[in-house]
Amino acid sequence: MEEIKRKLFTLQDIKYRDFHSKLMPDTDKETVIGIRVPVLRKFAKSIAGTELADRFIEELPHHYYEENNLHMMLITGIKDYEECLLEIERFLPYIDNWATCDFPAPKCFADHKEELLPVIKNWIASVKTYTIRYGIGMLMRLYLDEDFDPEYVELVAGVKSDEYYVNMMIAWYMATALAKQWDAVIPYIEKHRLSDWVHRKTIQKAVESYRITDEQKDYLKKYR
């Protein structure tokens, strides 16, 4: 999609590219154009629903990091649940970095949590790093409040991986779960149910969180 590429390069910020590339050491800098997220989001909104956007999301894989981010922005904006899920599942195997993976959940997912849950479990059971990460991210974003079930914590705690970006997401999930569902999650820390690295990272992230009380932070520090 040369037309899309040309438009993206008109939004390029070289200094931002140099800065942001350092946050993604596993991503080839030559594949990063350098576009600030608000700028890219504005562009995504300007083409959403057009024939150009439809043709763009049909073509995979993409070459540039921002093309992947644009793709994620466009498909998470799809209002029809079945169509959105289809496009998410088609795109997940091509995600190759944490930033593209961690975009907010599609708004339509919030109205279809019951039927989405088995899909999330399949994602978490994947062997692909960013599919697993995306699945855990959806559990964190959508199922830690009124739809919470302790079984979801067990599901995340049961993920065993050597992948940094999977383990970081597990720690992020557990720290967020501690803030929202303390009583259900604290036994995983007390009983050291997580790997050593995830255990320590969970405590670190929880202690750094403004949503954890000072009393809870002091308690967590005992288990470092």
C-alpha atoms as a PDB file:
ATOM      1  CA  MET A   1       0.000   0.000   0.000  1.00  0.00           C
ATOM      2  CA  GLU A   2       2.299   2.711  -1.278  1.00  0.00           C
ATOM      3  CA  GLU A   3      -0.316   5.421  -0.763  1.00  0.00           C
ATOM      4  CA  ILE A   4      -0.479   4.647   2.965  1.00  0.00           C
ATOM      5  CA  LYS A   5       3.329   4.539   3.222  1.00  0.00           C
ATOM      6  CA  ARG A   6       3.653   7.957   1.567  1.00  0.00           C
ATOM      7  CA  LYS A   7       1.102   9.447   3.952  1.00  0.00           C
ATOM      8  CA  LEU A   8       2.837   7.926   6.984  1.00  0.00           C
ATOM      9  CA  PHE A   9       6.222   9.356   6.008  1.00  0.00           C
ATOM     10  CA  THR A  10       4.704  12.839   5.846  1.00  0.00           C
ATOM     11  CA  LEU A  11       4.025  12.420   9.593  1.00  0.00           C
ATOM     12  CA  GLN A  12       7.574  11.374  10.434  1.00  0.00           C
ATOM     13  CA  ASP A  13       9.416  12.800  13.460  1.00  0.00           C
ATOM     14  CA  ILE A  14      13.052  11.677  13.307  1.00  0.00           C
ATOM     15  CA  LYS A  15      13.887  12.638  16.895  1.00  0.00           C
ATOM     16  CA  TYR A  16      10.884  10.686  18.134  1.00  0.00           C
ATOM     17  CA  ARG A  17      11.962   7.690  16.027  1.00  0.00           C
ATOM     18  CA  ASP A  18      15.406   7.732  17.631  1.00  0.00           C
ATOM     19  CA  PHE A  19      13.885   7.976  21.116  1.00  0.00           C
ATOM     20  CA  HIS A  20      11.122   5.393  20.651  1.00  0.00           C
ATOM     21  CA  SER A  21      13.392   2.859  18.963  1.00  0.00           C
ATOM     22  CA  LYS A  22      15.389   2.622  22.180  1.00  0.00           C
ATOM     23  CA  LEU A  23      12.249   1.394  23.958  1.00  0.00           C
ATOM     24  CA  MET A  24      11.968  -1.489  21.480  1.00  0.00           C
ATOM     25  CA  PRO A  25      15.414  -3.095  21.327  1.00  0.00           C
ATOM     26  CA  ASP A  26      14.051  -6.152  19.504  1.00  0.00           C
ATOM     27  CA  THR A  27      12.646  -4.043  16.652  1.00  0.00           C
ATOM     28  CA  ASP A  28      14.862  -3.078  13.721  1.00  0.00           C
ATOM     29  CA  LYS A  29      15.188   0.718  13.797  1.00  0.00           C
ATOM     30  CA  GLU A  30      15.018   0.771  10.006  1.00  0.00           C
ATOM     31  CA  THR A  31      11.420  -0.436  10.226  1.00  0.00           C
ATOM     32  CA  VAL A  32      10.419   2.461  12.503  1.00  0.00           C
ATOM     33  CA  ILE A  33       9.205   5.601  10.738  1.00  0.00           C
ATOM     34  CA  GLY A  34       8.826   7.706  13.887  1.00  0.00           C
ATOM     35  CA  ILE A  35       5.241   8.885  14.372  1.00  0.00           C
ATOM     36  CA  ARG A  36       3.841   9.989  17.702  1.00  0.00           C
ATOM     37  CA  VAL A  37       0.799   7.964  18.782  1.00  0.00           C
ATOM     38  CA  PRO A  38      -1.664  10.904  18.904  1.00  0.00           C
ATOM     39  CA  VAL A  39      -0.622  11.892  15.372  1.00  0.00           C
ATOM     40  CA  LEU A  40      -1.012   8.330  14.094  1.00  0.00           C
ATOM     41  CA  ARG A  41      -4.356   7.986  15.876  1.00  0.00           C
ATOM     42  CA  LYS A  42      -5.621  11.151  14.207  1.00  0.00           C
ATOM     43  CA  PHE A  43      -4.589   9.753  10.841  1.00  0.00           C
ATOM     44  CA  ALA A  44      -6.294   6.438  11.633  1.00  0.00           C
ATOM     45  CA  LYS A  45      -9.538   8.266  12.426  1.00  0.00           C
ATOM     46  CA  SER A  46      -9.309  10.193   9.174  1.00  0.00           C
ATOM     47  CA  ILE A  47      -9.274   7.031   7.063  1.00  0.00           C
ATOM     48  CA  ALA A  48     -11.357   4.660   9.231  1.00  0.00           C
ATOM     49  CA  GLY A  49     -14.214   3.108   7.298  1.00  0.00           C
ATOM     50  CA  THR A  50     -12.851   4.125   3.910  1.00  0.00           C
ATOM     51  CA  GLU A  51     -12.012   1.842   1.012  1.00  0.00           C
ATOM     52  CA  LEU A  52      -8.359   2.770   1.538  1.00  0.00           C
ATOM     53  CA  ALA A  53      -8.473   1.499   5.120  1.00  0.00           C
ATOM     54  CA  ASP A  54     -10.274  -1.675   4.073  1.00  0.00           C
ATOM     55  CA  ARG A  55      -7.611  -2.433   1.472  1.00  0.00           C
ATOM     56  CA  PHE A  56      -4.838  -1.663   3.937  1.00  0.00           C
ATOM     57  CA  ILE A  57      -6.019  -4.139   6.595  1.00  0.00           C
ATOM     58  CA  GLU A  58      -6.439  -6.831   3.952  1.00  0.00           C
ATOM     59  CA  GLU A  59      -2.725  -6.736   3.157  1.00  0.00           C
ATOM     60  CA  LEU A  60      -0.454  -8.591   5.582  1.00  0.00           C
ATOM     61  CA  PRO A  61       2.312  -8.622   6.595  1.00  0.00           C
ATOM     62  CA  HIS A  62       3.353  -4.983   6.842  1.00  0.00           C
ATOM     63  CA  HIS A  63       6.935  -3.755   6.779  1.00  0.00           C
ATOM     64  CA  TYR A  64       6.900  -0.744   9.096  1.00  0.00           C
ATOM     65  CA  TYR A  65       6.180  -0.637  12.824  1.00  0.00           C
ATOM     66  CA  GLU A  66       3.726   2.227  12.346  1.00  0.00           C
ATOM     67  CA  GLU A  67       1.865   0.242   9.705  1.00  0.00           C
ATOM     68  CA  ASN A  68       1.250  -2.417  12.352  1.00  0.00           C
ATOM     69  CA  ASN A  69       0.120   0.210  14.849  1.00  0.00           C
ATOM     70  CA  LEU A  70      -2.189   1.749  12.270  1.00  0.00           C
ATOM     71  CA  HIS A  71      -3.588  -1.695  11.525  1.00  0.00           C
ATOM     72  CA  MET A  72      -4.305  -2.281  15.213  1.00  0.00           C
ATOM     73  CA  MET A  73      -5.935   1.139  15.574  1.00  0.00           C
ATOM     74  CA  LEU A  74      -8.192   0.503  12.604  1.00  0.00           C
ATOM     75  CA  ILE A  75      -9.350  -2.969  13.604  1.00  0.00           C
ATOM     76  CA  THR A  76      -9.882  -2.137  17.280  1.00  0.00           C
ATOM     77  CA  GLY A  77     -12.230   0.583  16.073  1.00  0.00           C
ATOM     78  CA  ILE A  78     -14.508  -1.895  14.276  1.00  0.00           C
ATOM     79  CA  LYS A  79     -17.896  -1.819  16.002  1.00  0.00           C
ATOM     80  CA  ASP A  80     -19.212  -5.202  14.888  1.00  0.00           C
ATOM     81  CA  TYR A  81     -17.942  -7.819  17.353  1.00  0.00           C
ATOM     82  CA  GLU A  82     -17.683 -10.763  14.945  1.00  0.00           C
ATOM     83  CA  GLU A  83     -15.892  -8.707  12.317  1.00  0.00           C
ATOM     84  CA  CYS A  84     -13.548  -7.152  14.877  1.00  0.00           C
ATOM     85  CA  LEU A  85     -12.662 -10.515  16.410  1.00  0.00           C
ATOM     86  CA  LEU A  86     -12.021 -11.993  12.976  1.00  0.00           C
ATOM     87  CA  GLU A  87      -9.590  -9.196  12.151  1.00  0.00           C
ATOM     88  CA  ILE A  88      -7.855  -9.394  15.547  1.00  0.00           C
ATOM     89  CA  GLU A  89      -7.306 -13.131  15.127  1.00  0.00           C
ATOM     90  CA  ARG A  90      -6.023 -12.622  11.585  1.00  0.00           C
ATOM     91  CA  PHE A  91      -3.568  -9.966  12.749  1.00  0.00           C
ATOM     92  CA  LEU A  92      -2.249 -11.512  15.983  1.00  0.00           C
ATOM     93  CA  PRO A  93       0.288 -13.845  14.301  1.00  0.00           C
ATOM     94  CA  TYR A  94       1.951 -10.816  12.687  1.00  0.00           C
ATOM     95  CA  ILE A  95       2.458  -8.776  15.864  1.00  0.00           C
ATOM     96  CA  ASP A  96       6.167  -8.626  16.670  1.00  0.00           C
ATOM     97  CA  ASN A  97       6.518  -6.030  19.424  1.00  0.00           C
ATOM     98  CA  TRP A  98       5.000  -5.109  22.777  1.00  0.00           C
ATOM     99  CA  ALA A  99       3.797  -1.655  21.741  1.00  0.00           C
ATOM    100  CA  THR A 100       1.524  -2.877  18.949  1.00  0.00           C
ATOM    101  CA  CYS A 101       0.320  -5.683  21.204  1.00  0.00           C
ATOM    102  CA  ASP A 102      -0.633  -3.396  24.083  1.00  0.00           C
ATOM    103  CA  PHE A 103      -3.126  -1.082  22.415  1.00  0.00           C
ATOM    104  CA  PRO A 104      -6.442  -0.739  24.303  1.00  0.00           C
ATOM    105  CA  ALA A 105      -9.063  -3.454  23.906  1.00  0.00           C
ATOM    106  CA  PRO A 106     -11.616  -2.976  21.134  1.00  0.00           C
ATOM    107  CA  LYS A 107     -14.661  -1.218  22.584  1.00  0.00           C
ATOM    108  CA  CYS A 108     -16.995  -3.870  21.197  1.00  0.00           C
ATOM    109  CA  PHE A 109     -15.280  -6.545  23.330  1.00  0.00           C
ATOM    110  CA  ALA A 110     -16.778  -5.009  26.489  1.00  0.00           C
ATOM    111  CA  ASP A 111     -20.270  -6.013  25.353  1.00  0.00           C
ATOM    112  CA  HIS A 112     -19.327  -9.597  24.495  1.00  0.00           C
ATOM    113  CA  LYS A 113     -17.286 -10.773  27.462  1.00  0.00           C
ATOM    114  CA  GLU A 114     -18.974 -14.134  27.850  1.00  0.00           C
ATOM    115  CA  GLU A 115     -18.334 -15.302  24.283  1.00  0.00           C
ATOM    116  CA  LEU A 116     -14.881 -13.666  24.225  1.00  0.00           C
ATOM    117  CA  LEU A 117     -13.595 -15.559  27.256  1.00  0.00           C
ATOM    118  CA  PRO A 118     -12.987 -18.931  25.505  1.00  0.00           C
ATOM    119  CA  VAL A 119     -11.154 -17.066  22.750  1.00  0.00           C
ATOM    120  CA  ILE A 120      -8.923 -15.372  25.311  1.00  0.00           C
ATOM    121  CA  LYS A 121      -8.139 -18.736  26.873  1.00  0.00           C
ATOM    122  CA  ASN A 122      -7.088 -20.024  23.450  1.00  0.00           C
ATOM    123  CA  TRP A 123      -4.822 -17.024  22.974  1.00  0.00           C
ATOM    124  CA  ILE A 124      -3.184 -17.611  26.344  1.00  0.00           C
ATOM    125  CA  ALA A 125      -2.636 -21.276  25.412  1.00  0.00           C
ATOM    126  CA  SER A 126      -0.783 -20.231  22.243  1.00  0.00           C
ATOM    127  CA  VAL A 127       2.923 -20.757  21.666  1.00  0.00           C
ATOM    128  CA  LYS A 128       3.287 -17.293  20.106  1.00  0.00           C
ATOM    129  CA  THR A 129       4.711 -14.656  22.447  1.00  0.00           C
ATOM    130  CA  TYR A 130       2.493 -11.749  21.487  1.00  0.00           C
ATOM    131  CA  THR A 131      -0.669 -13.827  21.167  1.00  0.00           C
ATOM    132  CA  ILE A 132      -0.170 -14.945  24.764  1.00  0.00           C
ATOM    133  CA  ARG A 133       0.589 -11.388  25.828  1.00  0.00           C
ATOM    134  CA  TYR A 134      -2.505 -10.073  24.059  1.00  0.00           C
ATOM    135  CA  GLY A 135      -4.705 -12.672  25.755  1.00  0.00           C
ATOM    136  CA  ILE A 136      -3.396 -11.849  29.226  1.00  0.00           C
ATOM    137  CA  GLY A 137      -3.791  -8.162  28.427  1.00  0.00           C
ATOM    138  CA  MET A 138      -7.452  -8.679  27.575  1.00  0.00           C
ATOM    139  CA  LEU A 139      -8.017 -10.513  30.865  1.00  0.00           C
ATOM    140  CA  MET A 140      -6.388  -7.596  32.674  1.00  0.00           C
ATOM    141  CA  ARG A 141      -8.354  -4.898  30.881  1.00  0.00           C
ATOM    142  CA  LEU A 142     -11.780  -6.536  30.835  1.00  0.00           C
ATOM    143  CA  TYR A 143     -12.073  -9.074  33.680  1.00  0.00           C
ATOM    144  CA  LEU A 144     -10.662  -7.565  36.865  1.00  0.00           C
ATOM    145  CA  ASP A 145     -13.753  -5.673  37.982  1.00  0.00           C
ATOM    146  CA  GLU A 146     -17.376  -6.827  38.028  1.00  0.00           C
ATOM    147  CA  ASP A 147     -16.582  -9.788  35.743  1.00  0.00           C
ATOM    148  CA  PHE A 148     -13.707 -11.061  37.869  1.00  0.00           C
ATOM    149  CA  ASP A 149     -13.348 -14.730  38.702  1.00  0.00           C
ATOM    150  CA  PRO A 150     -10.418 -16.152  40.733  1.00  0.00           C
ATOM    151  CA  GLU A 151     -10.013 -18.791  38.033  1.00  0.00           C
ATOM    152  CA  TYR A 152      -8.590 -16.092  35.747  1.00  0.00           C
ATOM    153  CA  VAL A 153      -5.720 -15.425  38.153  1.00  0.00           C
ATOM    154  CA  GLU A 154      -5.034 -19.158  38.227  1.00  0.00           C
ATOM    155  CA  LEU A 155      -5.014 -19.184  34.440  1.00  0.00           C
ATOM    156  CA  VAL A 156      -2.419 -16.402  34.225  1.00  0.00           C
ATOM    157  CA  ALA A 157      -0.298 -17.803  37.055  1.00  0.00           C
ATOM    158  CA  GLY A 158      -0.206 -21.112  35.216  1.00  0.00           C
ATOM    159  CA  VAL A 159       1.544 -19.629  32.178  1.00  0.00           C
ATOM    160  CA  LYS A 160       5.164 -20.773  32.131  1.00  0.00           C
ATOM    161  CA  SER A 161       7.434 -19.069  29.637  1.00  0.00           C
ATOM    162  CA  ASP A 162      11.032 -18.050  29.050  1.00  0.00           C
ATOM    163  CA  GLU A 163       9.874 -15.064  26.998  1.00  0.00           C
ATOM    164  CA  TYR A 164      10.552 -11.689  28.611  1.00  0.00           C
ATOM    165  CA  TYR A 165       7.480 -10.037  27.098  1.00  0.00           C
ATOM    166  CA  VAL A 166       5.190 -12.813  28.325  1.00  0.00           C
ATOM    167  CA  ASN A 167       6.606 -12.740  31.840  1.00  0.00           C
ATOM    168  CA  MET A 168       6.433  -8.955  31.980  1.00  0.00           C
ATOM    169  CA  MET A 169       2.738  -9.118  31.079  1.00  0.00           C
ATOM    170  CA  ILE A 170       2.110 -11.749  33.752  1.00  0.00           C
ATOM    171  CA  ALA A 171       3.708  -9.434  36.318  1.00  0.00           C
ATOM    172  CA  TRP A 172       1.697  -6.476  35.028  1.00  0.00           C
ATOM    173  CA  TYR A 173      -1.498  -8.505  35.270  1.00  0.00           C
ATOM    174  CA  MET A 174      -0.727  -9.741  38.790  1.00  0.00           C
ATOM    175  CA  ALA A 175       0.204  -6.265  40.048  1.00  0.00           C
ATOM    176  CA  THR A 176      -3.006  -4.814  38.599  1.00  0.00           C
ATOM    177  CA  ALA A 177      -4.989  -7.702  40.047  1.00  0.00           C
ATOM    178  CA  LEU A 178      -3.482  -7.009  43.473  1.00  0.00           C
ATOM    179  CA  ALA A 179      -4.768  -3.445  43.219  1.00  0.00           C
ATOM    180  CA  LYS A 180      -8.270  -4.547  42.258  1.00  0.00           C
ATOM    181  CA  GLN A 181      -8.699  -7.988  43.826  1.00  0.00           C
ATOM    182  CA  TRP A 182      -6.219  -8.071  46.703  1.00  0.00           C
ATOM    183  CA  ASP A 183      -7.737 -10.901  48.726  1.00  0.00           C
ATOM    184  CA  ALA A 184      -7.893 -13.264  45.759  1.00  0.00           C
ATOM    185  CA  VAL A 185      -4.381 -12.517  44.535  1.00  0.00           C
ATOM    186  CA  ILE A 186      -2.181 -12.019  47.595  1.00  0.00           C
ATOM    187  CA  PRO A 187      -1.943 -15.797  48.281  1.00  0.00           C
ATOM    188  CA  TYR A 188       0.013 -16.117  45.020  1.00  0.00           C
ATOM    189  CA  ILE A 189       2.653 -13.877  46.561  1.00  0.00           C
ATOM    190  CA  GLU A 190       2.495 -15.370  50.055  1.00  0.00           C
ATOM    191  CA  LYS A 191       2.860 -18.910  48.691  1.00  0.00           C
ATOM    192  CA  HIS A 192       5.358 -17.919  45.993  1.00  0.00           C
ATOM    193  CA  ARG A 193       3.184 -19.414  43.251  1.00  0.00           C
ATOM    194  CA  LEU A 194       4.953 -17.474  40.501  1.00  0.00           C
ATOM    195  CA  SER A 195       8.427 -17.919  39.028  1.00  0.00           C
ATOM    196  CA  ASP A 196      11.149 -16.048  40.910  1.00  0.00           C
ATOM    197  CA  TRP A 197      11.462 -13.339  38.241  1.00  0.00           C
ATOM    198  CA  VAL A 198       7.710 -12.787  37.884  1.00  0.00           C
ATOM    199  CA  HIS A 199       7.314 -12.831  41.670  1.00  0.00           C
ATOM    200  CA  ARG A 200       9.873 -10.069  42.136  1.00  0.00           C
ATOM    201  CA  LYS A 201       8.618  -8.033  39.181  1.00  0.00           C
ATOM    202  CA  THR A 202       5.022  -8.272  40.400  1.00  0.00           C
ATOM    203  CA  ILE A 203       6.001  -6.908  43.797  1.00  0.00           C
ATOM    204  CA  GLN A 204       8.081  -4.152  42.201  1.00  0.00           C
ATOM    205  CA  LYS A 205       5.226  -3.036  39.950  1.00  0.00           C
ATOM    206  CA  ALA A 206       2.686  -3.236  42.777  1.00  0.00           C
ATOM    207  CA  VAL A 207       4.888  -1.210  45.121  1.00  0.00           C
ATOM    208  CA  GLU A 208       5.261   1.437  42.399  1.00  0.00           C
ATOM    209  CA  SER A 209       1.488   1.598  41.856  1.00  0.00           C
ATOM    210  CA  TYR A 210      -0.589   4.480  43.227  1.00  0.00           C
ATOM    211  CA  ARG A 211      -3.541   2.070  43.487  1.00  0.00           C
ATOM    212  CA  ILE A 212      -1.856   0.008  46.211  1.00  0.00           C
ATOM    213  CA  THR A 213      -2.121   1.364  49.753  1.00  0.00           C
ATOM    214  CA  ASP A 214       0.990   2.090  51.823  1.00  0.00           C
ATOM    215  CA  GLU A 215      -0.006  -0.707  54.205  1.00  0.00           C
ATOM    216  CA  GLN A 216      -0.267  -3.158  51.329  1.00  0.00           C
ATOM    217  CA  LYS A 217       3.083  -2.026  49.935  1.00  0.00           C
ATOM    218  CA  ASP A 218       4.773  -2.602  53.279  1.00  0.00           C
ATOM    219  CA  TYR A 219       3.251  -6.066  53.420  1.00  0.00           C
ATOM    220  CA  LEU A 220       4.400  -6.932  49.893  1.00  0.00           C
ATOM    221  CA  LYS A 221       7.953  -5.802  50.593  1.00  0.00           C
ATOM    222  CA  LYS A 222       8.259  -8.638  53.135  1.00  0.00           C
ATOM    223  CA  TYR A 223       8.019 -11.120  50.279  1.00  0.00           C
ATOM    224  CA  ARG A 224      10.689  -9.657  48.035  1.00  0.00           C
END
